[in-house]
Amino acid sequence: MPRCTRVRVEAYGRDGKRLRFDAEGFHARVVQHECDHLDGKVYLDRMRSLETLTFLPEFQRYWMTRR
């Protein structure tokens, strides 16, 4: 599932005070990534296929040449 490019966050800070902000671009991706952790998910859960899960040198050797 692709991530949203913009999110609105409504939460509580460490001090218990209400927190509201909008996040865009990379910041939005980071917020969604951290929310996934709160839900017990890791990036592997978001992968459509584990077929290309590998180290970068292996990916470059075996997958970059396939098109």
C-alpha atoms as a PDB file:
ATOM      1  CA  MET A   1       0.000   0.000   0.000  1.00  0.00           C
ATOM      2  CA  PRO A   2       1.549   3.325  -1.043  1.00  0.00           C
ATOM      3  CA  ARG A   3       1.959   6.022   1.563  1.00  0.00           C
ATOM      4  CA  CYS A   4       0.107   9.328   1.501  1.00  0.00           C
ATOM      5  CA  THR A   5       2.145  12.383   0.535  1.00  0.00           C
ATOM      6  CA  ARG A   6       0.346  14.536   3.090  1.00  0.00           C
ATOM      7  CA  VAL A   7      -1.159  13.694   6.490  1.00  0.00           C
ATOM      8  CA  ARG A   8      -2.879  15.591   9.277  1.00  0.00           C
ATOM      9  CA  VAL A   9      -1.800  14.484  12.738  1.00  0.00           C
ATOM     10  CA  GLU A  10      -3.911  14.792  15.871  1.00  0.00           C
ATOM     11  CA  ALA A  11      -2.236  13.267  18.916  1.00  0.00           C
ATOM     12  CA  TYR A  12      -1.055  13.875  22.459  1.00  0.00           C
ATOM     13  CA  GLY A  13       2.532  14.825  23.279  1.00  0.00           C
ATOM     14  CA  ARG A  14       4.684  13.396  26.057  1.00  0.00           C
ATOM     15  CA  ASP A  15       3.390  16.111  28.344  1.00  0.00           C
ATOM     16  CA  GLY A  16      -0.220  15.058  27.695  1.00  0.00           C
ATOM     17  CA  LYS A  17      -1.043  18.205  25.733  1.00  0.00           C
ATOM     18  CA  ARG A  18      -2.942  17.998  22.450  1.00  0.00           C
ATOM     19  CA  LEU A  19      -0.762  18.105  19.353  1.00  0.00           C
ATOM     20  CA  ARG A  20      -1.989  18.975  15.830  1.00  0.00           C
ATOM     21  CA  PHE A  21       0.034  19.481  12.668  1.00  0.00           C
ATOM     22  CA  ASP A  22       0.161  18.730   8.944  1.00  0.00           C
ATOM     23  CA  ALA A  23       3.089  16.808   7.494  1.00  0.00           C
ATOM     24  CA  GLU A  24       4.057  16.666   3.820  1.00  0.00           C
ATOM     25  CA  GLY A  25       6.594  14.772   1.719  1.00  0.00           C
ATOM     26  CA  PHE A  26       9.326  12.971   3.635  1.00  0.00           C
ATOM     27  CA  HIS A  27       7.950  14.140   6.984  1.00  0.00           C
ATOM     28  CA  ALA A  28       4.572  12.550   6.140  1.00  0.00           C
ATOM     29  CA  ARG A  29       6.305   9.269   5.277  1.00  0.00           C
ATOM     30  CA  VAL A  30       8.184   9.294   8.590  1.00  0.00           C
ATOM     31  CA  VAL A  31       4.983   9.959  10.560  1.00  0.00           C
ATOM     32  CA  GLN A  32       3.216   7.064   8.813  1.00  0.00           C
ATOM     33  CA  HIS A  33       6.235   4.801   9.380  1.00  0.00           C
ATOM     34  CA  GLU A  34       6.212   5.551  13.110  1.00  0.00           C
ATOM     35  CA  CYS A  35       2.424   5.047  13.315  1.00  0.00           C
ATOM     36  CA  ASP A  36       2.949   1.639  11.716  1.00  0.00           C
ATOM     37  CA  HIS A  37       5.274   0.760  14.605  1.00  0.00           C
ATOM     38  CA  LEU A  38       2.570   1.745  17.099  1.00  0.00           C
ATOM     39  CA  ASP A  39       0.274  -0.689  15.282  1.00  0.00           C
ATOM     40  CA  GLY A  40       2.912  -3.437  15.433  1.00  0.00           C
ATOM     41  CA  LYS A  41       3.829  -3.280  11.732  1.00  0.00           C
ATOM     42  CA  VAL A  42       7.244  -3.171  10.088  1.00  0.00           C
ATOM     43  CA  TYR A  43       8.208  -2.267   6.519  1.00  0.00           C
ATOM     44  CA  LEU A  44       8.060  -5.927   5.461  1.00  0.00           C
ATOM     45  CA  ASP A  45       4.323  -5.868   6.155  1.00  0.00           C
ATOM     46  CA  ARG A  46       3.936  -3.121   3.550  1.00  0.00           C
ATOM     47  CA  MET A  47       5.887  -4.843   0.779  1.00  0.00           C
ATOM     48  CA  ARG A  48       3.673  -6.090  -2.057  1.00  0.00           C
ATOM     49  CA  SER A  49       6.088  -8.961  -2.691  1.00  0.00           C
ATOM     50  CA  LEU A  50       9.099 -10.229  -0.769  1.00  0.00           C
ATOM     51  CA  GLU A  51      10.601 -11.417  -4.056  1.00  0.00           C
ATOM     52  CA  THR A  52      13.045  -8.503  -4.261  1.00  0.00           C
ATOM     53  CA  LEU A  53      13.933  -8.380  -0.549  1.00  0.00           C
ATOM     54  CA  THR A  54      17.734  -8.478  -0.620  1.00  0.00           C
ATOM     55  CA  PHE A  55      20.941  -6.611   0.141  1.00  0.00           C
ATOM     56  CA  LEU A  56      21.764  -3.741  -2.226  1.00  0.00           C
ATOM     57  CA  PRO A  57      24.737  -5.482  -3.961  1.00  0.00           C
ATOM     58  CA  GLU A  58      22.560  -8.540  -4.640  1.00  0.00           C
ATOM     59  CA  PHE A  59      19.709  -6.370  -5.874  1.00  0.00           C
ATOM     60  CA  GLN A  60      22.018  -4.550  -8.259  1.00  0.00           C
ATOM     61  CA  ARG A  61      23.487  -7.812  -9.539  1.00  0.00           C
ATOM     62  CA  TYR A  62      20.292  -9.832 -10.019  1.00  0.00           C
ATOM     63  CA  TRP A  63      17.420  -7.342 -10.352  1.00  0.00           C
ATOM     64  CA  MET A  64      18.755  -4.159 -11.957  1.00  0.00           C
ATOM     65  CA  THR A  65      19.409  -5.974 -15.223  1.00  0.00           C
ATOM     66  CA  ARG A  66      15.846  -7.384 -15.429  1.00  0.00           C
ATOM     67  CA  ARG A  67      13.307  -5.110 -17.070  1.00  0.00           C
END
